[in-house]
Structures are given as C-alpha cells and as structure tokens.
N, C-alpha and C. Protein backbone atom coordinates (compact mmCIF):
# COMPACT_ATOMS: atom_id res chain seq x y z
N MET A 1 24.04 -21.68 -5.54
CA MET A 1 22.91 -20.86 -5.17
C MET A 1 22.60 -19.92 -6.34
N TYR A 2 21.33 -19.62 -6.50
CA TYR A 2 20.85 -18.73 -7.56
C TYR A 2 20.06 -17.59 -6.94
N ILE A 3 19.87 -16.55 -7.74
CA ILE A 3 19.11 -15.40 -7.28
C ILE A 3 18.15 -14.97 -8.39
N ALA A 4 16.94 -14.65 -7.99
CA ALA A 4 15.94 -14.09 -8.91
C ALA A 4 15.66 -12.69 -8.40
N LYS A 5 15.90 -11.70 -9.25
CA LYS A 5 15.68 -10.32 -8.79
C LYS A 5 14.77 -9.57 -9.75
N LEU A 6 13.93 -8.75 -9.17
CA LEU A 6 13.00 -7.92 -9.93
C LEU A 6 13.81 -6.91 -10.74
N ILE A 7 13.58 -6.86 -12.06
CA ILE A 7 14.27 -5.85 -12.87
C ILE A 7 13.29 -4.88 -13.52
N ASP A 8 11.99 -5.23 -13.56
CA ASP A 8 11.03 -4.29 -14.13
C ASP A 8 9.62 -4.61 -13.63
N ASN A 9 8.89 -3.55 -13.30
CA ASN A 9 7.48 -3.65 -12.92
C ASN A 9 6.78 -2.51 -13.66
N LYS A 10 6.14 -2.83 -14.76
CA LYS A 10 5.52 -1.80 -15.60
C LYS A 10 4.50 -0.97 -14.84
N SER A 11 3.81 -1.57 -13.90
CA SER A 11 2.81 -0.86 -13.11
C SER A 11 3.45 0.29 -12.33
N GLU A 12 4.64 0.07 -11.76
CA GLU A 12 5.34 1.13 -11.04
C GLU A 12 5.81 2.22 -11.99
N ARG A 13 6.27 1.83 -13.18
CA ARG A 13 6.73 2.82 -14.16
C ARG A 13 5.58 3.71 -14.62
N LEU A 14 4.36 3.19 -14.60
CA LEU A 14 3.19 3.95 -15.03
C LEU A 14 2.45 4.59 -13.85
N LEU A 15 3.15 4.75 -12.75
CA LEU A 15 2.56 5.33 -11.55
C LEU A 15 1.86 6.65 -11.90
N GLY A 16 0.64 6.80 -11.47
CA GLY A 16 -0.14 7.98 -11.77
C GLY A 16 -1.04 7.79 -12.99
N LYS A 17 -0.71 6.81 -13.83
CA LYS A 17 -1.52 6.52 -15.01
C LYS A 17 -2.36 5.26 -14.81
N VAL A 18 -2.05 4.51 -13.77
CA VAL A 18 -2.77 3.28 -13.44
C VAL A 18 -3.60 3.56 -12.19
N GLU A 19 -4.87 3.19 -12.22
CA GLU A 19 -5.77 3.49 -11.10
C GLU A 19 -5.27 2.90 -9.79
N LYS A 20 -4.97 1.62 -9.77
CA LYS A 20 -4.45 0.96 -8.57
C LYS A 20 -3.17 0.24 -8.95
N PRO A 21 -2.03 0.93 -8.89
CA PRO A 21 -0.78 0.30 -9.30
C PRO A 21 -0.41 -0.90 -8.43
N PHE A 22 0.24 -1.86 -9.06
CA PHE A 22 0.69 -3.07 -8.38
C PHE A 22 2.12 -2.86 -7.91
N PHE A 23 2.36 -3.13 -6.65
CA PHE A 23 3.71 -3.08 -6.10
C PHE A 23 4.10 -4.48 -5.67
N VAL A 24 5.28 -4.91 -6.09
CA VAL A 24 5.78 -6.23 -5.71
C VAL A 24 6.04 -6.22 -4.21
N PRO A 25 5.53 -7.21 -3.48
CA PRO A 25 5.80 -7.28 -2.04
C PRO A 25 7.31 -7.32 -1.77
N ILE A 26 7.73 -6.64 -0.74
CA ILE A 26 9.16 -6.49 -0.45
C ILE A 26 9.89 -7.83 -0.36
N GLN A 27 9.23 -8.86 0.17
CA GLN A 27 9.88 -10.16 0.30
C GLN A 27 10.07 -10.86 -1.05
N LEU A 28 9.48 -10.31 -2.13
CA LEU A 28 9.62 -10.91 -3.46
C LEU A 28 10.47 -10.07 -4.41
N ILE A 29 11.08 -9.00 -3.91
CA ILE A 29 11.93 -8.17 -4.77
C ILE A 29 13.19 -8.92 -5.17
N GLU A 30 13.73 -9.68 -4.25
CA GLU A 30 14.93 -10.48 -4.52
C GLU A 30 14.78 -11.82 -3.81
N LEU A 31 14.92 -12.90 -4.56
CA LEU A 31 14.76 -14.24 -4.00
C LEU A 31 16.08 -14.99 -4.08
N LYS A 32 16.59 -15.42 -2.94
CA LYS A 32 17.77 -16.29 -2.93
C LYS A 32 17.26 -17.72 -2.99
N LEU A 33 17.76 -18.46 -3.97
CA LEU A 33 17.28 -19.81 -4.24
C LEU A 33 18.40 -20.80 -3.96
N ASN A 34 18.27 -21.55 -2.90
CA ASN A 34 19.32 -22.47 -2.47
C ASN A 34 19.21 -23.80 -3.23
N VAL A 35 19.57 -23.76 -4.50
CA VAL A 35 19.58 -24.94 -5.37
C VAL A 35 20.87 -24.93 -6.17
N ASP A 36 21.14 -26.01 -6.89
CA ASP A 36 22.44 -26.10 -7.56
C ASP A 36 22.39 -26.11 -9.09
N ASN A 37 21.21 -25.85 -9.69
CA ASN A 37 21.17 -25.77 -11.16
C ASN A 37 20.02 -24.87 -11.61
N PHE A 38 20.10 -24.44 -12.88
CA PHE A 38 19.12 -23.50 -13.43
C PHE A 38 17.70 -24.05 -13.39
N ASP A 39 17.52 -25.33 -13.74
CA ASP A 39 16.17 -25.89 -13.77
C ASP A 39 15.51 -25.86 -12.39
N SER A 40 16.25 -26.24 -11.38
CA SER A 40 15.72 -26.21 -10.01
C SER A 40 15.45 -24.78 -9.58
N ALA A 41 16.34 -23.86 -9.95
CA ALA A 41 16.15 -22.44 -9.61
C ALA A 41 14.89 -21.89 -10.27
N LEU A 42 14.69 -22.23 -11.53
CA LEU A 42 13.51 -21.78 -12.25
C LEU A 42 12.23 -22.31 -11.60
N ASN A 43 12.21 -23.57 -11.27
CA ASN A 43 11.03 -24.16 -10.62
C ASN A 43 10.73 -23.53 -9.27
N LEU A 44 11.77 -23.29 -8.48
CA LEU A 44 11.59 -22.69 -7.16
C LEU A 44 11.14 -21.23 -7.29
N ALA A 45 11.71 -20.49 -8.23
CA ALA A 45 11.30 -19.10 -8.45
C ALA A 45 9.83 -19.04 -8.85
N ARG A 46 9.41 -19.90 -9.76
CA ARG A 46 8.01 -19.93 -10.18
C ARG A 46 7.09 -20.22 -8.99
N LYS A 47 7.49 -21.15 -8.15
CA LYS A 47 6.68 -21.52 -6.98
C LYS A 47 6.54 -20.33 -6.03
N ARG A 48 7.64 -19.63 -5.77
CA ARG A 48 7.59 -18.49 -4.83
C ARG A 48 6.85 -17.29 -5.41
N LEU A 49 6.88 -17.13 -6.73
CA LEU A 49 6.23 -15.98 -7.36
C LEU A 49 4.76 -16.25 -7.70
N ARG A 50 4.32 -17.48 -7.57
CA ARG A 50 2.96 -17.86 -7.95
C ARG A 50 1.87 -16.93 -7.41
N PRO A 51 1.96 -16.44 -6.15
CA PRO A 51 0.88 -15.57 -5.64
C PRO A 51 0.71 -14.26 -6.42
N ILE A 52 1.72 -13.80 -7.13
CA ILE A 52 1.59 -12.53 -7.85
C ILE A 52 1.46 -12.71 -9.36
N ILE A 53 1.45 -13.96 -9.83
CA ILE A 53 1.35 -14.23 -11.27
C ILE A 53 -0.12 -14.36 -11.66
N ASN A 54 -0.52 -13.61 -12.68
CA ASN A 54 -1.90 -13.67 -13.16
C ASN A 54 -2.23 -15.02 -13.78
N ASN A 55 -1.38 -15.49 -14.70
CA ASN A 55 -1.62 -16.77 -15.37
C ASN A 55 -0.27 -17.47 -15.58
N PRO A 56 0.07 -18.43 -14.73
CA PRO A 56 1.37 -19.11 -14.83
C PRO A 56 1.64 -19.72 -16.20
N ALA A 57 0.60 -20.14 -16.90
CA ALA A 57 0.78 -20.75 -18.22
C ALA A 57 1.30 -19.75 -19.25
N ASN A 58 1.09 -18.46 -19.00
CA ASN A 58 1.53 -17.43 -19.93
C ASN A 58 2.87 -16.81 -19.57
N MET A 59 3.58 -17.39 -18.60
CA MET A 59 4.89 -16.86 -18.23
C MET A 59 5.84 -17.05 -19.41
N LYS A 60 6.56 -16.00 -19.74
CA LYS A 60 7.53 -16.06 -20.83
C LYS A 60 8.92 -16.22 -20.22
N ILE A 61 9.67 -17.20 -20.72
CA ILE A 61 11.02 -17.46 -20.23
C ILE A 61 12.00 -17.33 -21.38
N GLU A 62 12.98 -16.46 -21.21
CA GLU A 62 14.02 -16.26 -22.23
C GLU A 62 15.37 -16.51 -21.59
N GLN A 63 16.33 -16.92 -22.40
CA GLN A 63 17.69 -17.11 -21.91
C GLN A 63 18.63 -16.33 -22.82
N PRO A 64 18.83 -15.01 -22.52
CA PRO A 64 19.67 -14.16 -23.37
C PRO A 64 21.15 -14.55 -23.35
N THR A 65 21.61 -15.14 -22.25
CA THR A 65 22.99 -15.62 -22.16
C THR A 65 22.98 -16.98 -21.47
N ASN A 66 24.10 -17.66 -21.48
CA ASN A 66 24.19 -18.96 -20.80
C ASN A 66 24.03 -18.83 -19.29
N ASP A 67 24.29 -17.63 -18.76
CA ASP A 67 24.29 -17.42 -17.31
C ASP A 67 23.04 -16.74 -16.77
N THR A 68 22.11 -16.37 -17.65
CA THR A 68 20.97 -15.56 -17.23
C THR A 68 19.67 -16.03 -17.88
N MET A 69 18.59 -16.01 -17.11
CA MET A 69 17.24 -16.23 -17.64
C MET A 69 16.38 -15.04 -17.26
N LEU A 70 15.44 -14.70 -18.12
CA LEU A 70 14.46 -13.66 -17.83
C LEU A 70 13.09 -14.30 -17.75
N LEU A 71 12.36 -13.98 -16.70
CA LEU A 71 11.00 -14.49 -16.50
C LEU A 71 10.06 -13.29 -16.55
N SER A 72 9.12 -13.29 -17.48
CA SER A 72 8.16 -12.21 -17.61
C SER A 72 6.75 -12.77 -17.48
N PHE A 73 5.91 -12.03 -16.77
CA PHE A 73 4.53 -12.46 -16.57
C PHE A 73 3.67 -11.25 -16.25
N ARG A 74 2.37 -11.42 -16.35
CA ARG A 74 1.40 -10.38 -15.97
C ARG A 74 1.09 -10.54 -14.49
N ASN A 75 1.07 -9.41 -13.77
CA ASN A 75 0.79 -9.50 -12.33
C ASN A 75 -0.70 -9.76 -12.09
N SER A 76 -1.00 -10.23 -10.91
CA SER A 76 -2.37 -10.65 -10.57
C SER A 76 -3.30 -9.49 -10.22
N GLN A 77 -2.79 -8.27 -10.11
CA GLN A 77 -3.64 -7.15 -9.72
C GLN A 77 -4.14 -6.35 -10.92
N ASP A 78 -3.22 -5.76 -11.70
CA ASP A 78 -3.65 -4.93 -12.83
C ASP A 78 -3.28 -5.51 -14.19
N GLY A 79 -2.63 -6.67 -14.20
CA GLY A 79 -2.32 -7.35 -15.44
C GLY A 79 -1.14 -6.81 -16.22
N LEU A 80 -0.39 -5.86 -15.64
CA LEU A 80 0.77 -5.33 -16.35
C LEU A 80 1.99 -6.22 -16.11
N LYS A 81 2.98 -6.07 -16.99
CA LYS A 81 4.12 -6.98 -17.01
C LYS A 81 5.12 -6.75 -15.87
N VAL A 82 5.61 -7.87 -15.33
CA VAL A 82 6.65 -7.89 -14.31
C VAL A 82 7.76 -8.78 -14.85
N THR A 83 9.02 -8.36 -14.68
CA THR A 83 10.15 -9.14 -15.19
C THR A 83 11.18 -9.37 -14.09
N TYR A 84 11.62 -10.61 -14.01
CA TYR A 84 12.67 -11.01 -13.08
C TYR A 84 13.86 -11.55 -13.87
N GLN A 85 15.05 -11.35 -13.31
CA GLN A 85 16.27 -11.93 -13.87
C GLN A 85 16.74 -13.03 -12.94
N LEU A 86 17.04 -14.18 -13.50
CA LEU A 86 17.50 -15.34 -12.74
C LEU A 86 18.93 -15.63 -13.14
N GLU A 87 19.81 -15.70 -12.14
CA GLU A 87 21.23 -15.96 -12.43
C GLU A 87 21.88 -16.62 -11.22
N GLU A 88 23.06 -17.15 -11.45
CA GLU A 88 23.81 -17.75 -10.35
C GLU A 88 24.26 -16.65 -9.40
N TYR A 89 24.12 -16.89 -8.11
CA TYR A 89 24.50 -15.91 -7.09
C TYR A 89 26.00 -15.97 -6.88
N LYS A 90 26.63 -14.81 -7.02
CA LYS A 90 28.08 -14.71 -6.80
C LYS A 90 28.33 -13.74 -5.66
N SER A 91 28.82 -14.25 -4.56
CA SER A 91 29.02 -13.39 -3.38
C SER A 91 30.35 -12.69 -3.42
C-alpha cells in the first residue's frame, strides 16, 4: 500500500494575499492507495487528484529518493502550486 499526502499548498501559505485562496478538499489531504508498486500508486494518485489539477500535462514528478516521489502541479482555482509526497505506507 502507498500513501500520497499533501505537503505544500502555496495558496494557503499566501492566505490574505490571494483574493480567493484554494483549499485542498479534506478527502484529498491524504490518499491511501491500495496498490503494490510505485507506478500503480502514481497512476491512481493522478486519477484521484485530477479534479484539482489545472493542467495534468504540466504535472512535475521528481524522485528525490528511491522510496519517495514528489508530485507538483498548479491547482484548478488560482493556479498556484500544490505538492504531494508519494511513498510506501508503513503502519
């Protein structure tokens, strides 16, 4: 099992400076992904996050370590950056 969790929402950090700040819906703050590999987890995370992604083709994917991926994209409301961390879920 994998987990994708929100680690940054620039719109929230700029609260008061953005006219209509974007807040990630509570059900998308942390996603448990019942799959057995990184590729499947990435595909499922993208599918679940699609409603809040401004342009899926511009999603940036980085892999800073063998165990972690970062997914960054512009949100669909104000266009500011949102970042998720994808990793294997360890209970």
